[in-house]
Amino acid sequence: MSDPAAEVRQRIRELLAGVFGDPSFVSTVDDAVSLREAGVPSTALVALLVAMEDAFGFEWDDDVRPEVLRSIDSLACHVVALRT
């Protein structure tokens, strides 16, 4: 059985690599590490969030909790929760 969160995490990594234009950077980021601590600037995070809307077919709520945006794991969990 496939792990939906794992598939979403992989897709988020692909989107992040596209935002950065450098897959090698993304390979150094642990799924649970804060994206800010990993060196992702706010402009890149915004671009990632827009790319996620397109890729996963949803729109971010204006009142999304900040902890949802913290890491690849938290982003993936949010997407999986939206799908269920």
PDB file of N, CA and C in Angstrom:
ATOM      1  N   MET A   1       0.839  -1.174   0.000  1.00  0.00           N
ATOM      2  CA  MET A   1       0.000   0.000   0.000  1.00  0.00           C
ATOM      3  C   MET A   1       0.890   1.245   0.000  1.00  0.00           C
ATOM      4  N   SER A   2       0.546   2.226  -0.806  1.00  0.00           N
ATOM      5  CA  SER A   2       1.369   3.428  -0.899  1.00  0.00           C
ATOM      6  C   SER A   2       1.020   4.401   0.228  1.00  0.00           C
ATOM      7  N   ASP A   3       1.988   5.205   0.578  1.00  0.00           N
ATOM      8  CA  ASP A   3       1.834   6.207   1.631  1.00  0.00           C
ATOM      9  C   ASP A   3       1.512   7.536   0.964  1.00  0.00           C
ATOM     10  N   PRO A   4       0.266   8.029   1.091  1.00  0.00           N
ATOM     11  CA  PRO A   4      -0.092   9.279   0.419  1.00  0.00           C
ATOM     12  C   PRO A   4       0.784  10.451   0.841  1.00  0.00           C
ATOM     13  N   ALA A   5       1.159  10.510   2.123  1.00  0.00           N
ATOM     14  CA  ALA A   5       2.001  11.617   2.590  1.00  0.00           C
ATOM     15  C   ALA A   5       3.374  11.560   1.937  1.00  0.00           C
ATOM     16  N   ALA A   6       3.903  10.359   1.728  1.00  0.00           N
ATOM     17  CA  ALA A   6       5.215  10.221   1.086  1.00  0.00           C
ATOM     18  C   ALA A   6       5.161  10.720  -0.352  1.00  0.00           C
ATOM     19  N   GLU A   7       4.081  10.398  -1.041  1.00  0.00           N
ATOM     20  CA  GLU A   7       3.924  10.868  -2.423  1.00  0.00           C
ATOM     21  C   GLU A   7       3.807  12.390  -2.470  1.00  0.00           C
ATOM     22  N   VAL A   8       3.067  12.953  -1.534  1.00  0.00           N
ATOM     23  CA  VAL A   8       2.906  14.412  -1.483  1.00  0.00           C
ATOM     24  C   VAL A   8       4.233  15.075  -1.128  1.00  0.00           C
ATOM     25  N   ARG A   9       4.961  14.514  -0.154  1.00  0.00           N
ATOM     26  CA  ARG A   9       6.278  15.072   0.198  1.00  0.00           C
ATOM     27  C   ARG A   9       7.197  15.088  -1.019  1.00  0.00           C
ATOM     28  N   GLN A  10       7.192  14.011  -1.786  1.00  0.00           N
ATOM     29  CA  GLN A  10       8.045  13.944  -2.974  1.00  0.00           C
ATOM     30  C   GLN A  10       7.659  15.028  -3.978  1.00  0.00           C
ATOM     31  N   ARG A  11       6.358  15.215  -4.169  1.00  0.00           N
ATOM     32  CA  ARG A  11       5.901  16.240  -5.116  1.00  0.00           C
ATOM     33  C   ARG A  11       6.273  17.639  -4.608  1.00  0.00           C
ATOM     34  N   ILE A  12       6.160  17.867  -3.308  1.00  0.00           N
ATOM     35  CA  ILE A  12       6.555  19.163  -2.740  1.00  0.00           C
ATOM     36  C   ILE A  12       8.046  19.388  -2.963  1.00  0.00           C
ATOM     37  N   ARG A  13       8.848  18.354  -2.784  1.00  0.00           N
ATOM     38  CA  ARG A  13      10.294  18.466  -3.040  1.00  0.00           C
ATOM     39  C   ARG A  13      10.552  18.846  -4.501  1.00  0.00           C
ATOM     40  N   GLU A  14       9.809  18.235  -5.421  1.00  0.00           N
ATOM     41  CA  GLU A  14       9.961  18.564  -6.845  1.00  0.00           C
ATOM     42  C   GLU A  14       9.587  20.018  -7.104  1.00  0.00           C
ATOM     43  N   LEU A  15       8.503  20.467  -6.491  1.00  0.00           N
ATOM     44  CA  LEU A  15       8.084  21.858  -6.660  1.00  0.00           C
ATOM     45  C   LEU A  15       9.117  22.817  -6.076  1.00  0.00           C
ATOM     46  N   LEU A  16       9.641  22.476  -4.907  1.00  0.00           N
ATOM     47  CA  LEU A  16      10.661  23.314  -4.275  1.00  0.00           C
ATOM     48  C   LEU A  16      11.923  23.372  -5.129  1.00  0.00           C
ATOM     49  N   ALA A  17      12.292  22.258  -5.725  1.00  0.00           N
ATOM     50  CA  ALA A  17      13.453  22.241  -6.626  1.00  0.00           C
ATOM     51  C   ALA A  17      13.203  23.148  -7.822  1.00  0.00           C
ATOM     52  N   GLY A  18      11.971  23.156  -8.317  1.00  0.00           N
ATOM     53  CA  GLY A  18      11.628  24.035  -9.430  1.00  0.00           C
ATOM     54  C   GLY A  18      11.701  25.499  -9.045  1.00  0.00           C
ATOM     55  N   VAL A  19      11.273  25.813  -7.839  1.00  0.00           N
ATOM     56  CA  VAL A  19      11.330  27.193  -7.337  1.00  0.00           C
ATOM     57  C   VAL A  19      12.779  27.647  -7.221  1.00  0.00           C
ATOM     58  N   PHE A  20      13.625  26.756  -6.704  1.00  0.00           N
ATOM     59  CA  PHE A  20      15.037  27.087  -6.519  1.00  0.00           C
ATOM     60  C   PHE A  20      15.847  26.907  -7.787  1.00  0.00           C
ATOM     61  N   GLY A  21      15.370  26.050  -8.690  1.00  0.00           N
ATOM     62  CA  GLY A  21      16.148  25.749  -9.885  1.00  0.00           C
ATOM     63  C   GLY A  21      17.376  24.917  -9.563  1.00  0.00           C
ATOM     64  N   ASP A  22      17.377  24.292  -8.381  1.00  0.00           N
ATOM     65  CA  ASP A  22      18.545  23.534  -7.930  1.00  0.00           C
ATOM     66  C   ASP A  22      18.106  22.337  -7.091  1.00  0.00           C
ATOM     67  N   PRO A  23      17.949  21.163  -7.714  1.00  0.00           N
ATOM     68  CA  PRO A  23      17.535  19.980  -6.960  1.00  0.00           C
ATOM     69  C   PRO A  23      18.523  19.582  -5.873  1.00  0.00           C
ATOM     70  N   SER A  24      19.785  19.946  -6.021  1.00  0.00           N
ATOM     71  CA  SER A  24      20.769  19.560  -5.008  1.00  0.00           C
ATOM     72  C   SER A  24      20.490  20.255  -3.675  1.00  0.00           C
ATOM     73  N   PHE A  25      19.976  21.489  -3.712  1.00  0.00           N
ATOM     74  CA  PHE A  25      19.617  22.167  -2.467  1.00  0.00           C
ATOM     75  C   PHE A  25      18.520  21.398  -1.744  1.00  0.00           C
ATOM     76  N   VAL A  26      17.497  21.013  -2.476  1.00  0.00           N
ATOM     77  CA  VAL A  26      16.348  20.339  -1.878  1.00  0.00           C
ATOM     78  C   VAL A  26      16.752  19.006  -1.264  1.00  0.00           C
ATOM     79  N   SER A  27      17.716  18.337  -1.860  1.00  0.00           N
ATOM     80  CA  SER A  27      18.140  17.038  -1.326  1.00  0.00           C
ATOM     81  C   SER A  27      18.796  17.169   0.047  1.00  0.00           C
ATOM     82  N   THR A  28      19.209  18.378   0.419  1.00  0.00           N
ATOM     83  CA  THR A  28      19.839  18.581   1.731  1.00  0.00           C
ATOM     84  C   THR A  28      18.831  18.946   2.816  1.00  0.00           C
ATOM     85  N   VAL A  29      17.585  19.190   2.436  1.00  0.00           N
ATOM     86  CA  VAL A  29      16.568  19.630   3.386  1.00  0.00           C
ATOM     87  C   VAL A  29      15.817  18.416   3.929  1.00  0.00           C
ATOM     88  N   ASP A  30      15.889  18.218   5.239  1.00  0.00           N
ATOM     89  CA  ASP A  30      15.144  17.142   5.892  1.00  0.00           C
ATOM     90  C   ASP A  30      13.659  17.512   5.924  1.00  0.00           C
ATOM     91  N   ASP A  31      12.796  16.515   5.777  1.00  0.00           N
ATOM     92  CA  ASP A  31      11.358  16.763   5.728  1.00  0.00           C
ATOM     93  C   ASP A  31      10.819  17.473   6.965  1.00  0.00           C
ATOM     94  N   ALA A  32      11.423  17.240   8.120  1.00  0.00           N
ATOM     95  CA  ALA A  32      10.910  17.797   9.373  1.00  0.00           C
ATOM     96  C   ALA A  32      11.540  19.135   9.752  1.00  0.00           C
ATOM     97  N   VAL A  33      12.558  19.560   9.038  1.00  0.00           N
ATOM     98  CA  VAL A  33      13.270  20.797   9.371  1.00  0.00           C
ATOM     99  C   VAL A  33      12.478  22.011   8.888  1.00  0.00           C
ATOM    100  N   SER A  34      12.508  23.056   9.676  1.00  0.00           N
ATOM    101  CA  SER A  34      11.878  24.311   9.293  1.00  0.00           C
ATOM    102  C   SER A  34      12.463  24.789   7.968  1.00  0.00           C
ATOM    103  N   LEU A  35      11.591  25.124   7.030  1.00  0.00           N
ATOM    104  CA  LEU A  35      12.068  25.609   5.731  1.00  0.00           C
ATOM    105  C   LEU A  35      12.854  26.907   5.893  1.00  0.00           C
ATOM    106  N   ARG A  36      12.440  27.736   6.825  1.00  0.00           N
ATOM    107  CA  ARG A  36      13.171  28.987   7.075  1.00  0.00           C
ATOM    108  C   ARG A  36      14.579  28.680   7.575  1.00  0.00           C
ATOM    109  N   GLU A  37      14.694  27.741   8.531  1.00  0.00           N
ATOM    110  CA  GLU A  37      16.011  27.359   9.047  1.00  0.00           C
ATOM    111  C   GLU A  37      16.866  26.705   7.969  1.00  0.00           C
ATOM    112  N   ALA A  38      16.223  26.060   7.015  1.00  0.00           N
ATOM    113  CA  ALA A  38      16.953  25.413   5.926  1.00  0.00           C
ATOM    114  C   ALA A  38      17.452  26.427   4.900  1.00  0.00           C
ATOM    115  N   GLY A  39      17.011  27.676   5.029  1.00  0.00           N
ATOM    116  CA  GLY A  39      17.489  28.713   4.123  1.00  0.00           C
ATOM    117  C   GLY A  39      16.528  29.083   3.013  1.00  0.00           C
ATOM    118  N   VAL A  40      15.268  28.680   3.141  1.00  0.00           N
ATOM    119  CA  VAL A  40      14.276  29.032   2.125  1.00  0.00           C
ATOM    120  C   VAL A  40      13.774  30.445   2.424  1.00  0.00           C
ATOM    121  N   PRO A  41      14.035  31.398   1.525  1.00  0.00           N
ATOM    122  CA  PRO A  41      13.566  32.767   1.759  1.00  0.00           C
ATOM    123  C   PRO A  41      12.047  32.864   1.603  1.00  0.00           C
ATOM    124  N   SER A  42      11.469  33.898   2.177  1.00  0.00           N
ATOM    125  CA  SER A  42      10.012  34.047   2.153  1.00  0.00           C
ATOM    126  C   SER A  42       9.466  34.130   0.732  1.00  0.00           C
ATOM    127  N   THR A  43      10.200  34.741  -0.177  1.00  0.00           N
ATOM    128  CA  THR A  43       9.720  34.823  -1.560  1.00  0.00           C
ATOM    129  C   THR A  43       9.647  33.442  -2.207  1.00  0.00           C
ATOM    130  N   ALA A  44      10.598  32.582  -1.888  1.00  0.00           N
ATOM    131  CA  ALA A  44      10.577  31.216  -2.419  1.00  0.00           C
ATOM    132  C   ALA A  44       9.450  30.415  -1.782  1.00  0.00           C
ATOM    133  N   LEU A  45       9.176  30.662  -0.502  1.00  0.00           N
ATOM    134  CA  LEU A  45       8.076  29.965   0.156  1.00  0.00           C
ATOM    135  C   LEU A  45       6.749  30.352  -0.487  1.00  0.00           C
ATOM    136  N   VAL A  46       6.567  31.619  -0.769  1.00  0.00           N
ATOM    137  CA  VAL A  46       5.339  32.068  -1.432  1.00  0.00           C
ATOM    138  C   VAL A  46       5.216  31.408  -2.805  1.00  0.00           C
ATOM    139  N   ALA A  47       6.304  31.361  -3.557  1.00  0.00           N
ATOM    140  CA  ALA A  47       6.278  30.705  -4.869  1.00  0.00           C
ATOM    141  C   ALA A  47       5.937  29.223  -4.726  1.00  0.00           C
ATOM    142  N   LEU A  48       6.467  28.574  -3.689  1.00  0.00           N
ATOM    143  CA  LEU A  48       6.152  27.167  -3.438  1.00  0.00           C
ATOM    144  C   LEU A  48       4.671  27.001  -3.130  1.00  0.00           C
ATOM    145  N   LEU A  49       4.121  27.864  -2.304  1.00  0.00           N
ATOM    146  CA  LEU A  49       2.709  27.758  -1.942  1.00  0.00           C
ATOM    147  C   LEU A  49       1.811  27.925  -3.157  1.00  0.00           C
ATOM    148  N   VAL A  50       2.149  28.836  -4.047  1.00  0.00           N
ATOM    149  CA  VAL A  50       1.382  29.024  -5.284  1.00  0.00           C
ATOM    150  C   VAL A  50       1.511  27.785  -6.170  1.00  0.00           C
ATOM    151  N   ALA A  51       2.712  27.252  -6.282  1.00  0.00           N
ATOM    152  CA  ALA A  51       2.927  26.039  -7.078  1.00  0.00           C
ATOM    153  C   ALA A  51       2.146  24.866  -6.495  1.00  0.00           C
ATOM    154  N   MET A  52       2.072  24.792  -5.162  1.00  0.00           N
ATOM    155  CA  MET A  52       1.299  23.722  -4.522  1.00  0.00           C
ATOM    156  C   MET A  52      -0.183  23.853  -4.834  1.00  0.00           C
ATOM    157  N   GLU A  53      -0.699  25.075  -4.861  1.00  0.00           N
ATOM    158  CA  GLU A  53      -2.107  25.269  -5.222  1.00  0.00           C
ATOM    159  C   GLU A  53      -2.383  24.693  -6.602  1.00  0.00           C
ATOM    160  N   ASP A  54      -1.507  24.993  -7.542  1.00  0.00           N
ATOM    161  CA  ASP A  54      -1.679  24.495  -8.908  1.00  0.00           C
ATOM    162  C   ASP A  54      -1.524  22.982  -8.981  1.00  0.00           C
ATOM    163  N   ALA A  55      -0.524  22.453  -8.312  1.00  0.00           N
ATOM    164  CA  ALA A  55      -0.221  21.022  -8.395  1.00  0.00           C
ATOM    165  C   ALA A  55      -1.267  20.156  -7.704  1.00  0.00           C
ATOM    166  N   PHE A  56      -1.795  20.637  -6.575  1.00  0.00           N
ATOM    167  CA  PHE A  56      -2.704  19.814  -5.782  1.00  0.00           C
ATOM    168  C   PHE A  56      -4.163  20.252  -5.886  1.00  0.00           C
ATOM    169  N   GLY A  57      -4.422  21.336  -6.617  1.00  0.00           N
ATOM    170  CA  GLY A  57      -5.797  21.748  -6.877  1.00  0.00           C
ATOM    171  C   GLY A  57      -6.564  22.277  -5.671  1.00  0.00           C
ATOM    172  N   PHE A  58      -5.957  23.149  -4.905  1.00  0.00           N
ATOM    173  CA  PHE A  58      -6.642  23.776  -3.779  1.00  0.00           C
ATOM    174  C   PHE A  58      -6.139  25.204  -3.650  1.00  0.00           C
ATOM    175  N   GLU A  59      -6.813  25.979  -2.804  1.00  0.00           N
ATOM    176  CA  GLU A  59      -6.364  27.335  -2.483  1.00  0.00           C
ATOM    177  C   GLU A  59      -6.108  27.425  -0.989  1.00  0.00           C
ATOM    178  N   TRP A  60      -5.034  28.094  -0.632  1.00  0.00           N
ATOM    179  CA  TRP A  60      -4.708  28.288   0.781  1.00  0.00           C
ATOM    180  C   TRP A  60      -5.745  29.203   1.409  1.00  0.00           C
ATOM    181  N   ASP A  61      -6.186  28.860   2.614  1.00  0.00           N
ATOM    182  CA  ASP A  61      -7.069  29.737   3.380  1.00  0.00           C
ATOM    183  C   ASP A  61      -6.253  30.915   3.902  1.00  0.00           C
ATOM    184  N   ASP A  62      -6.903  32.053   4.022  1.00  0.00           N
ATOM    185  CA  ASP A  62      -6.224  33.234   4.562  1.00  0.00           C
ATOM    186  C   ASP A  62      -5.796  33.034   6.009  1.00  0.00           C
ATOM    187  N   ASP A  63      -6.504  32.161   6.709  1.00  0.00           N
ATOM    188  CA  ASP A  63      -6.217  31.968   8.130  1.00  0.00           C
ATOM    189  C   ASP A  63      -5.468  30.660   8.420  1.00  0.00           C
ATOM    190  N   VAL A  64      -4.706  30.174   7.443  1.00  0.00           N
ATOM    191  CA  VAL A  64      -3.932  28.948   7.667  1.00  0.00           C
ATOM    192  C   VAL A  64      -2.948  29.180   8.816  1.00  0.00           C
ATOM    193  N   ARG A  65      -2.841  28.176   9.685  1.00  0.00           N
ATOM    194  CA  ARG A  65      -1.945  28.292  10.842  1.00  0.00           C
ATOM    195  C   ARG A  65      -0.486  28.305  10.382  1.00  0.00           C
ATOM    196  N   PRO A  66       0.345  29.153  10.969  1.00  0.00           N
ATOM    197  CA  PRO A  66       1.755  29.243  10.567  1.00  0.00           C
ATOM    198  C   PRO A  66       2.502  27.919  10.659  1.00  0.00           C
ATOM    199  N   GLU A  67       2.154  27.079  11.624  1.00  0.00           N
ATOM    200  CA  GLU A  67       2.866  25.806  11.766  1.00  0.00           C
ATOM    201  C   GLU A  67       2.638  24.875  10.578  1.00  0.00           C
ATOM    202  N   VAL A  68       1.554  25.085   9.832  1.00  0.00           N
ATOM    203  CA  VAL A  68       1.303  24.287   8.629  1.00  0.00           C
ATOM    204  C   VAL A  68       2.374  24.572   7.578  1.00  0.00           C
ATOM    205  N   LEU A  69       2.887  25.791   7.569  1.00  0.00           N
ATOM    206  CA  LEU A  69       3.848  26.226   6.555  1.00  0.00           C
ATOM    207  C   LEU A  69       5.292  25.978   6.971  1.00  0.00           C
ATOM    208  N   ARG A  70       5.514  25.318   8.084  1.00  0.00           N
ATOM    209  CA  ARG A  70       6.840  25.192   8.680  1.00  0.00           C
ATOM    210  C   ARG A  70       7.795  24.317   7.886  1.00  0.00           C
ATOM    211  N   SER A  71       7.357  23.137   7.468  1.00  0.00           N
ATOM    212  CA  SER A  71       8.276  22.149   6.898  1.00  0.00           C
ATOM    213  C   SER A  71       7.616  21.382   5.760  1.00  0.00           C
ATOM    214  N   ILE A  72       8.405  20.588   5.081  1.00  0.00           N
ATOM    215  CA  ILE A  72       7.859  19.721   4.037  1.00  0.00           C
ATOM    216  C   ILE A  72       6.846  18.765   4.653  1.00  0.00           C
ATOM    217  N   ASP A  73       7.161  18.204   5.820  1.00  0.00           N
ATOM    218  CA  ASP A  73       6.227  17.306   6.511  1.00  0.00           C
ATOM    219  C   ASP A  73       4.899  17.987   6.812  1.00  0.00           C
ATOM    220  N   SER A  74       4.960  19.180   7.388  1.00  0.00           N
ATOM    221  CA  SER A  74       3.717  19.857   7.772  1.00  0.00           C
ATOM    222  C   SER A  74       2.897  20.246   6.542  1.00  0.00           C
ATOM    223  N   LEU A  75       3.560  20.649   5.476  1.00  0.00           N
ATOM    224  CA  LEU A  75       2.855  20.958   4.234  1.00  0.00           C
ATOM    225  C   LEU A  75       2.182  19.707   3.673  1.00  0.00           C
ATOM    226  N   ALA A  76       2.899  18.598   3.672  1.00  0.00           N
ATOM    227  CA  ALA A  76       2.356  17.341   3.146  1.00  0.00           C
ATOM    228  C   ALA A  76       1.164  16.876   3.974  1.00  0.00           C
ATOM    229  N   CYS A  77       1.265  16.963   5.282  1.00  0.00           N
ATOM    230  CA  CYS A  77       0.148  16.563   6.149  1.00  0.00           C
ATOM    231  C   CYS A  77      -1.088  17.406   5.862  1.00  0.00           C
ATOM    232  N   HIS A  78      -0.890  18.681   5.615  1.00  0.00           N
ATOM    233  CA  HIS A  78      -2.007  19.574   5.300  1.00  0.00           C
ATOM    234  C   HIS A  78      -2.681  19.147   3.996  1.00  0.00           C
ATOM    235  N   VAL A  79      -1.893  18.870   2.980  1.00  0.00           N
ATOM    236  CA  VAL A  79      -2.455  18.456   1.687  1.00  0.00           C
ATOM    237  C   VAL A  79      -3.212  17.139   1.833  1.00  0.00           C
ATOM    238  N   VAL A  80      -2.631  16.187   2.536  1.00  0.00           N
ATOM    239  CA  VAL A  80      -3.297  14.894   2.738  1.00  0.00           C
ATOM    240  C   VAL A  80      -4.615  15.093   3.489  1.00  0.00           C
ATOM    241  N   ALA A  81      -4.617  15.947   4.508  1.00  0.00           N
ATOM    242  CA  ALA A  81      -5.843  16.209   5.271  1.00  0.00           C
ATOM    243  C   ALA A  81      -6.919  16.837   4.388  1.00  0.00           C
ATOM    244  N   LEU A  82      -6.525  17.692   3.466  1.00  0.00           N
ATOM    245  CA  LEU A  82      -7.492  18.305   2.558  1.00  0.00           C
ATOM    246  C   LEU A  82      -8.121  17.277   1.625  1.00  0.00           C
ATOM    247  N   ARG A  83      -7.376  16.239   1.323  1.00  0.00           N
ATOM    248  CA  ARG A  83      -7.852  15.213   0.389  1.00  0.00           C
ATOM    249  C   ARG A  83      -8.768  14.190   1.043  1.00  0.00           C
ATOM    250  N   THR A  84      -8.819  14.173   2.366  1.00  0.00           N
ATOM    251  CA  THR A  84      -9.637  13.154   3.044  1.00  0.00           C
ATOM    252  C   THR A  84     -10.930  13.718   3.569  1.00  0.00           C
TER     253      THR A  84
END
